[in-house]
Amino acid sequence: MVASSIRNLQARTGKSADEWVAIVRKRGPVDEKARREWLMTEHGFTTNYAWWIADLSVGKGAEHASPEAYLASAEATVDAMFAGKRAALRPIFERLLKLGLGAGKGAKACPERPAPWLARRVPITGRPR
């Protein structure tokens, strides 16, 4: 999904995510919320792209910048979700994950906060995409 978003941003605007981040940092407002609004009103960004670029401009969301970065952060994300008093839920999660990934060709898990989700072409569980 991130790879297609990167391609789409380039195709729609003629600029890469890194180029937009540089523009926002140089010419955009100081705070993140104002940056999102500025990207939408001044540059015609849709909400999701505006959030993504504004996040990147303040050092957030780097784990979504590439598939490799996302995979590297996935284990830490799941570990954090099942830390402390939620540790007892981890075996349940692992079993459901195994069942979900066995749902057929193309099944994938996405360990996002606040809840991980499973999908094939469309989400099987969790929040819709």
N, C-alpha and C. Protein backbone atom coordinates (compact mmCIF):
# COMPACT_ATOMS: atom_id res chain seq x y z
N MET A 1 0.81 -1.19 0.00
CA MET A 1 0.00 0.00 0.00
C MET A 1 0.85 1.25 0.00
N VAL A 2 1.91 1.26 0.80
CA VAL A 2 2.79 2.42 0.86
C VAL A 2 3.46 2.64 -0.49
N ALA A 3 3.93 1.55 -1.11
CA ALA A 3 4.60 1.68 -2.40
C ALA A 3 3.67 2.29 -3.44
N SER A 4 2.42 1.86 -3.45
CA SER A 4 1.48 2.43 -4.43
C SER A 4 1.18 3.89 -4.09
N SER A 5 1.12 4.22 -2.81
CA SER A 5 0.89 5.61 -2.41
C SER A 5 2.05 6.50 -2.85
N ILE A 6 3.26 5.99 -2.71
CA ILE A 6 4.43 6.76 -3.14
C ILE A 6 4.38 7.00 -4.64
N ARG A 7 4.05 5.95 -5.41
CA ARG A 7 3.93 6.10 -6.86
C ARG A 7 2.81 7.08 -7.21
N ASN A 8 1.68 6.94 -6.54
CA ASN A 8 0.54 7.82 -6.82
C ASN A 8 0.86 9.27 -6.51
N LEU A 9 1.55 9.52 -5.41
CA LEU A 9 1.92 10.89 -5.05
C LEU A 9 2.81 11.48 -6.15
N GLN A 10 3.79 10.72 -6.58
CA GLN A 10 4.69 11.17 -7.64
C GLN A 10 3.91 11.46 -8.92
N ALA A 11 3.00 10.54 -9.28
CA ALA A 11 2.22 10.70 -10.51
C ALA A 11 1.26 11.89 -10.42
N ARG A 12 0.65 12.08 -9.26
CA ARG A 12 -0.34 13.15 -9.10
C ARG A 12 0.27 14.53 -8.99
N THR A 13 1.44 14.60 -8.36
CA THR A 13 2.00 15.93 -8.07
C THR A 13 3.31 16.23 -8.81
N GLY A 14 3.95 15.18 -9.33
CA GLY A 14 5.25 15.38 -9.97
C GLY A 14 6.40 15.49 -8.97
N LYS A 15 6.09 15.27 -7.70
CA LYS A 15 7.11 15.36 -6.66
C LYS A 15 7.04 14.12 -5.77
N SER A 16 8.19 13.72 -5.26
CA SER A 16 8.27 12.58 -4.35
C SER A 16 7.87 13.00 -2.94
N ALA A 17 7.68 12.00 -2.08
CA ALA A 17 7.38 12.29 -0.67
C ALA A 17 8.51 13.10 -0.04
N ASP A 18 9.75 12.73 -0.34
CA ASP A 18 10.90 13.48 0.22
C ASP A 18 10.90 14.93 -0.26
N GLU A 19 10.56 15.14 -1.52
CA GLU A 19 10.50 16.52 -2.03
C GLU A 19 9.40 17.31 -1.33
N TRP A 20 8.24 16.67 -1.11
CA TRP A 20 7.15 17.37 -0.41
C TRP A 20 7.52 17.67 1.04
N VAL A 21 8.19 16.74 1.68
CA VAL A 21 8.61 16.99 3.07
C VAL A 21 9.54 18.21 3.11
N ALA A 22 10.47 18.29 2.16
CA ALA A 22 11.38 19.44 2.12
C ALA A 22 10.62 20.74 1.88
N ILE A 23 9.62 20.71 1.00
CA ILE A 23 8.81 21.90 0.74
C ILE A 23 8.05 22.32 1.99
N VAL A 24 7.44 21.36 2.67
CA VAL A 24 6.68 21.66 3.88
C VAL A 24 7.59 22.27 4.95
N ARG A 25 8.75 21.68 5.13
CA ARG A 25 9.68 22.20 6.14
C ARG A 25 10.19 23.60 5.80
N LYS A 26 10.36 23.88 4.52
CA LYS A 26 10.89 25.18 4.11
C LYS A 26 9.82 26.26 4.05
N ARG A 27 8.64 25.93 3.48
CA ARG A 27 7.63 26.96 3.22
C ARG A 27 6.34 26.82 4.00
N GLY A 28 6.15 25.66 4.63
CA GLY A 28 4.89 25.40 5.31
C GLY A 28 4.83 25.96 6.72
N PRO A 29 3.66 25.87 7.33
CA PRO A 29 3.50 26.30 8.72
C PRO A 29 4.36 25.47 9.67
N VAL A 30 4.47 25.94 10.90
CA VAL A 30 5.34 25.30 11.87
C VAL A 30 4.71 24.03 12.46
N ASP A 31 3.44 24.10 12.84
CA ASP A 31 2.86 22.94 13.54
C ASP A 31 2.23 21.95 12.56
N GLU A 32 2.16 20.73 13.01
CA GLU A 32 1.71 19.62 12.18
C GLU A 32 0.28 19.79 11.66
N LYS A 33 -0.64 20.20 12.53
CA LYS A 33 -2.03 20.37 12.11
C LYS A 33 -2.14 21.44 11.02
N ALA A 34 -1.45 22.53 11.21
CA ALA A 34 -1.47 23.60 10.21
C ALA A 34 -0.84 23.13 8.90
N ARG A 35 0.16 22.28 8.99
CA ARG A 35 0.78 21.74 7.78
C ARG A 35 -0.21 20.89 6.99
N ARG A 36 -1.00 20.09 7.68
CA ARG A 36 -2.01 19.27 6.99
C ARG A 36 -3.00 20.17 6.26
N GLU A 37 -3.50 21.17 6.96
CA GLU A 37 -4.45 22.10 6.35
C GLU A 37 -3.84 22.82 5.16
N TRP A 38 -2.60 23.26 5.30
CA TRP A 38 -1.88 23.97 4.24
C TRP A 38 -1.73 23.08 3.01
N LEU A 39 -1.36 21.83 3.21
CA LEU A 39 -1.22 20.91 2.08
C LEU A 39 -2.55 20.71 1.35
N MET A 40 -3.64 20.65 2.11
CA MET A 40 -4.95 20.44 1.49
C MET A 40 -5.44 21.70 0.77
N THR A 41 -5.32 22.85 1.42
CA THR A 41 -5.87 24.07 0.84
C THR A 41 -4.97 24.68 -0.23
N GLU A 42 -3.68 24.69 0.00
CA GLU A 42 -2.76 25.33 -0.94
C GLU A 42 -2.29 24.41 -2.07
N HIS A 43 -2.28 23.12 -1.81
CA HIS A 43 -1.71 22.20 -2.80
C HIS A 43 -2.67 21.11 -3.26
N GLY A 44 -3.91 21.13 -2.75
CA GLY A 44 -4.93 20.20 -3.22
C GLY A 44 -4.75 18.76 -2.78
N PHE A 45 -4.01 18.55 -1.70
CA PHE A 45 -3.81 17.19 -1.20
C PHE A 45 -5.11 16.65 -0.63
N THR A 46 -5.31 15.35 -0.77
CA THR A 46 -6.41 14.70 -0.07
C THR A 46 -5.97 14.51 1.39
N THR A 47 -6.93 14.19 2.23
CA THR A 47 -6.65 14.10 3.67
C THR A 47 -5.53 13.12 3.99
N ASN A 48 -5.58 11.91 3.45
CA ASN A 48 -4.57 10.91 3.79
C ASN A 48 -3.16 11.33 3.37
N TYR A 49 -3.02 11.88 2.18
CA TYR A 49 -1.70 12.34 1.75
C TYR A 49 -1.21 13.50 2.62
N ALA A 50 -2.12 14.41 2.96
CA ALA A 50 -1.74 15.54 3.80
C ALA A 50 -1.26 15.06 5.18
N TRP A 51 -1.97 14.10 5.76
CA TRP A 51 -1.55 13.56 7.07
C TRP A 51 -0.18 12.89 6.94
N TRP A 52 -0.02 12.09 5.90
CA TRP A 52 1.22 11.34 5.71
C TRP A 52 2.42 12.28 5.57
N ILE A 53 2.31 13.28 4.69
CA ILE A 53 3.43 14.20 4.48
C ILE A 53 3.66 15.06 5.72
N ALA A 54 2.60 15.52 6.37
CA ALA A 54 2.76 16.31 7.60
C ALA A 54 3.43 15.48 8.68
N ASP A 55 3.03 14.22 8.82
CA ASP A 55 3.69 13.33 9.78
C ASP A 55 5.17 13.20 9.48
N LEU A 56 5.50 12.90 8.23
CA LEU A 56 6.91 12.74 7.86
C LEU A 56 7.69 14.03 8.12
N SER A 57 7.05 15.17 7.92
CA SER A 57 7.75 16.45 8.09
C SER A 57 8.12 16.75 9.54
N VAL A 58 7.46 16.06 10.48
CA VAL A 58 7.79 16.25 11.91
C VAL A 58 8.45 15.00 12.50
N GLY A 59 8.88 14.09 11.62
CA GLY A 59 9.61 12.92 12.08
C GLY A 59 8.77 11.73 12.50
N LYS A 60 7.49 11.74 12.14
CA LYS A 60 6.61 10.61 12.45
C LYS A 60 6.37 9.79 11.19
N GLY A 61 5.98 8.53 11.40
CA GLY A 61 5.54 7.71 10.29
C GLY A 61 6.61 7.17 9.37
N ALA A 62 7.87 7.27 9.76
CA ALA A 62 8.95 6.78 8.90
C ALA A 62 8.83 5.28 8.67
N GLU A 63 8.19 4.58 9.61
CA GLU A 63 8.03 3.13 9.45
C GLU A 63 7.11 2.79 8.28
N HIS A 64 6.36 3.77 7.79
CA HIS A 64 5.48 3.53 6.65
C HIS A 64 6.09 4.02 5.34
N ALA A 65 7.30 4.54 5.39
CA ALA A 65 7.92 5.11 4.20
C ALA A 65 8.39 4.05 3.20
N SER A 66 8.64 2.86 3.66
CA SER A 66 9.05 1.79 2.75
C SER A 66 8.61 0.45 3.33
N PRO A 67 8.44 -0.54 2.48
CA PRO A 67 8.07 -1.87 2.99
C PRO A 67 9.11 -2.42 3.97
N GLU A 68 10.38 -2.15 3.70
CA GLU A 68 11.44 -2.64 4.58
C GLU A 68 11.36 -2.00 5.96
N ALA A 69 11.12 -0.71 6.01
CA ALA A 69 11.00 -0.01 7.30
C ALA A 69 9.77 -0.49 8.07
N TYR A 70 8.69 -0.74 7.33
CA TYR A 70 7.46 -1.23 7.96
C TYR A 70 7.68 -2.59 8.61
N LEU A 71 8.30 -3.50 7.86
CA LEU A 71 8.56 -4.83 8.40
C LEU A 71 9.50 -4.78 9.60
N ALA A 72 10.49 -3.88 9.55
CA ALA A 72 11.43 -3.76 10.66
C ALA A 72 10.73 -3.29 11.93
N SER A 73 9.71 -2.46 11.79
CA SER A 73 9.01 -1.94 12.96
C SER A 73 7.87 -2.84 13.43
N ALA A 74 7.45 -3.80 12.60
CA ALA A 74 6.27 -4.61 12.91
C ALA A 74 6.42 -5.40 14.20
N GLU A 75 7.55 -6.04 14.39
CA GLU A 75 7.73 -6.86 15.59
C GLU A 75 7.68 -6.01 16.85
N ALA A 76 8.33 -4.86 16.82
CA ALA A 76 8.32 -3.96 17.98
C ALA A 76 6.90 -3.46 18.26
N THR A 77 6.13 -3.21 17.20
CA THR A 77 4.75 -2.75 17.37
C THR A 77 3.91 -3.80 18.09
N VAL A 78 4.03 -5.06 17.64
CA VAL A 78 3.27 -6.14 18.27
C VAL A 78 3.75 -6.36 19.71
N ASP A 79 5.06 -6.34 19.93
CA ASP A 79 5.58 -6.48 21.29
C ASP A 79 5.02 -5.41 22.22
N ALA A 80 4.95 -4.19 21.75
CA ALA A 80 4.42 -3.09 22.56
C ALA A 80 2.93 -3.27 22.84
N MET A 81 2.19 -3.79 21.85
CA MET A 81 0.75 -4.00 22.04
C MET A 81 0.46 -5.03 23.13
N PHE A 82 1.37 -6.02 23.27
CA PHE A 82 1.14 -7.09 24.22
C PHE A 82 2.11 -7.04 25.40
N ALA A 83 2.52 -5.85 25.76
CA ALA A 83 3.40 -5.67 26.92
C ALA A 83 2.58 -5.53 28.19
N GLY A 84 3.22 -5.76 29.30
CA GLY A 84 2.58 -5.54 30.60
C GLY A 84 1.37 -6.42 30.83
N LYS A 85 0.28 -5.82 31.27
CA LYS A 85 -0.91 -6.60 31.63
C LYS A 85 -1.59 -7.24 30.43
N ARG A 86 -1.22 -6.85 29.22
CA ARG A 86 -1.79 -7.47 28.02
C ARG A 86 -0.99 -8.69 27.55
N ALA A 87 0.09 -9.01 28.22
CA ALA A 87 0.94 -10.14 27.82
C ALA A 87 0.16 -11.45 27.76
N ALA A 88 -0.81 -11.61 28.62
CA ALA A 88 -1.61 -12.85 28.63
C ALA A 88 -2.43 -13.02 27.36
N LEU A 89 -2.65 -11.93 26.62
CA LEU A 89 -3.41 -12.00 25.38
C LEU A 89 -2.57 -12.42 24.18
N ARG A 90 -1.25 -12.39 24.33
CA ARG A 90 -0.37 -12.69 23.20
C ARG A 90 -0.60 -14.08 22.60
N PRO A 91 -0.76 -15.15 23.39
CA PRO A 91 -1.01 -16.46 22.79
C PRO A 91 -2.32 -16.51 21.98
N ILE A 92 -3.32 -15.77 22.43
CA ILE A 92 -4.58 -15.71 21.69
C ILE A 92 -4.35 -15.02 20.35
N PHE A 93 -3.62 -13.92 20.39
CA PHE A 93 -3.28 -13.20 19.17
C PHE A 93 -2.52 -14.10 18.20
N GLU A 94 -1.53 -14.82 18.72
CA GLU A 94 -0.70 -15.69 17.87
C GLU A 94 -1.56 -16.77 17.20
N ARG A 95 -2.50 -17.34 17.94
CA ARG A 95 -3.37 -18.37 17.37
C ARG A 95 -4.30 -17.78 16.31
N LEU A 96 -4.89 -16.63 16.60
CA LEU A 96 -5.76 -15.98 15.62
C LEU A 96 -4.98 -15.56 14.38
N LEU A 97 -3.76 -15.10 14.58
CA LEU A 97 -2.90 -14.72 13.47
C LEU A 97 -2.64 -15.92 12.57
N LYS A 98 -2.30 -17.05 13.18
CA LYS A 98 -2.04 -18.27 12.41
C LYS A 98 -3.28 -18.69 11.62
N LEU A 99 -4.44 -18.64 12.26
CA LEU A 99 -5.68 -18.99 11.57
C LEU A 99 -5.98 -18.01 10.42
N GLY A 100 -5.80 -16.75 10.69
CA GLY A 100 -6.07 -15.72 9.68
C GLY A 100 -5.15 -15.84 8.48
N LEU A 101 -3.88 -16.08 8.73
CA LEU A 101 -2.94 -16.21 7.63
C LEU A 101 -3.20 -17.47 6.81
N GLY A 102 -3.90 -18.42 7.40
CA GLY A 102 -4.28 -19.62 6.69
C GLY A 102 -5.59 -19.47 5.92
N ALA A 103 -6.13 -18.27 5.87
CA ALA A 103 -7.42 -18.02 5.24
C ALA A 103 -7.39 -18.11 3.72
N GLY A 104 -6.24 -18.23 3.15
CA GLY A 104 -6.15 -18.35 1.70
C GLY A 104 -5.02 -17.56 1.11
N LYS A 105 -4.84 -17.76 -0.18
CA LYS A 105 -3.77 -17.08 -0.90
C LYS A 105 -3.90 -15.56 -0.76
N GLY A 106 -2.81 -14.93 -0.49
CA GLY A 106 -2.82 -13.48 -0.38
C GLY A 106 -3.16 -12.94 0.99
N ALA A 107 -3.42 -13.80 1.95
CA ALA A 107 -3.73 -13.32 3.30
C ALA A 107 -2.49 -12.66 3.89
N LYS A 108 -2.69 -11.54 4.56
CA LYS A 108 -1.57 -10.84 5.18
C LYS A 108 -2.00 -10.23 6.50
N ALA A 109 -1.03 -10.00 7.36
CA ALA A 109 -1.28 -9.37 8.66
C ALA A 109 -0.62 -8.00 8.65
N CYS A 110 -1.30 -7.05 9.25
CA CYS A 110 -0.78 -5.69 9.35
C CYS A 110 -0.81 -5.28 10.81
N PRO A 111 0.35 -5.28 11.47
CA PRO A 111 0.41 -5.01 12.91
C PRO A 111 0.38 -3.52 13.22
N GLU A 112 -0.78 -2.92 13.10
CA GLU A 112 -0.89 -1.49 13.35
C GLU A 112 -1.59 -1.21 14.66
N ARG A 113 -1.34 -0.05 15.20
CA ARG A 113 -2.03 0.40 16.38
C ARG A 113 -3.29 1.14 15.96
N PRO A 114 -4.36 1.08 16.66
CA PRO A 114 -4.52 0.48 17.97
C PRO A 114 -4.79 -1.02 17.93
N ALA A 115 -5.01 -1.58 16.75
CA ALA A 115 -5.28 -3.01 16.67
C ALA A 115 -4.74 -3.57 15.37
N PRO A 116 -4.12 -4.74 15.42
CA PRO A 116 -3.66 -5.36 14.18
C PRO A 116 -4.87 -5.83 13.37
N TRP A 117 -4.69 -5.99 12.09
CA TRP A 117 -5.77 -6.48 11.26
C TRP A 117 -5.24 -7.46 10.23
N LEU A 118 -6.15 -8.28 9.73
CA LEU A 118 -5.84 -9.27 8.71
C LEU A 118 -6.59 -8.92 7.44
N ALA A 119 -5.99 -9.22 6.30
CA ALA A 119 -6.65 -8.89 5.04
C ALA A 119 -6.29 -9.89 3.95
N ARG A 120 -7.16 -9.98 2.99
CA ARG A 120 -6.83 -10.56 1.70
C ARG A 120 -6.99 -9.38 0.75
N ARG A 121 -7.91 -9.35 -0.13
CA ARG A 121 -8.08 -8.14 -0.94
C ARG A 121 -8.69 -7.01 -0.13
N VAL A 122 -9.53 -7.37 0.82
CA VAL A 122 -10.14 -6.41 1.73
C VAL A 122 -9.90 -6.92 3.15
N PRO A 123 -9.98 -6.07 4.16
CA PRO A 123 -9.72 -6.52 5.53
C PRO A 123 -10.67 -7.64 5.97
N ILE A 124 -10.10 -8.61 6.64
CA ILE A 124 -10.87 -9.70 7.24
C ILE A 124 -11.29 -9.28 8.65
N THR A 125 -10.40 -8.60 9.35
CA THR A 125 -10.67 -8.13 10.71
C THR A 125 -10.11 -6.73 10.87
N GLY A 126 -10.46 -6.10 11.96
CA GLY A 126 -9.89 -4.80 12.27
C GLY A 126 -10.51 -3.70 11.44
N ARG A 127 -9.79 -2.61 11.33
CA ARG A 127 -10.35 -1.45 10.65
C ARG A 127 -10.25 -1.61 9.14
N PRO A 128 -11.21 -1.09 8.42
CA PRO A 128 -11.17 -1.18 6.96
C PRO A 128 -10.14 -0.24 6.37
N ARG A 129 -9.65 -0.56 5.23
CA ARG A 129 -8.68 0.26 4.50
C ARG A 129 -9.34 0.93 3.34
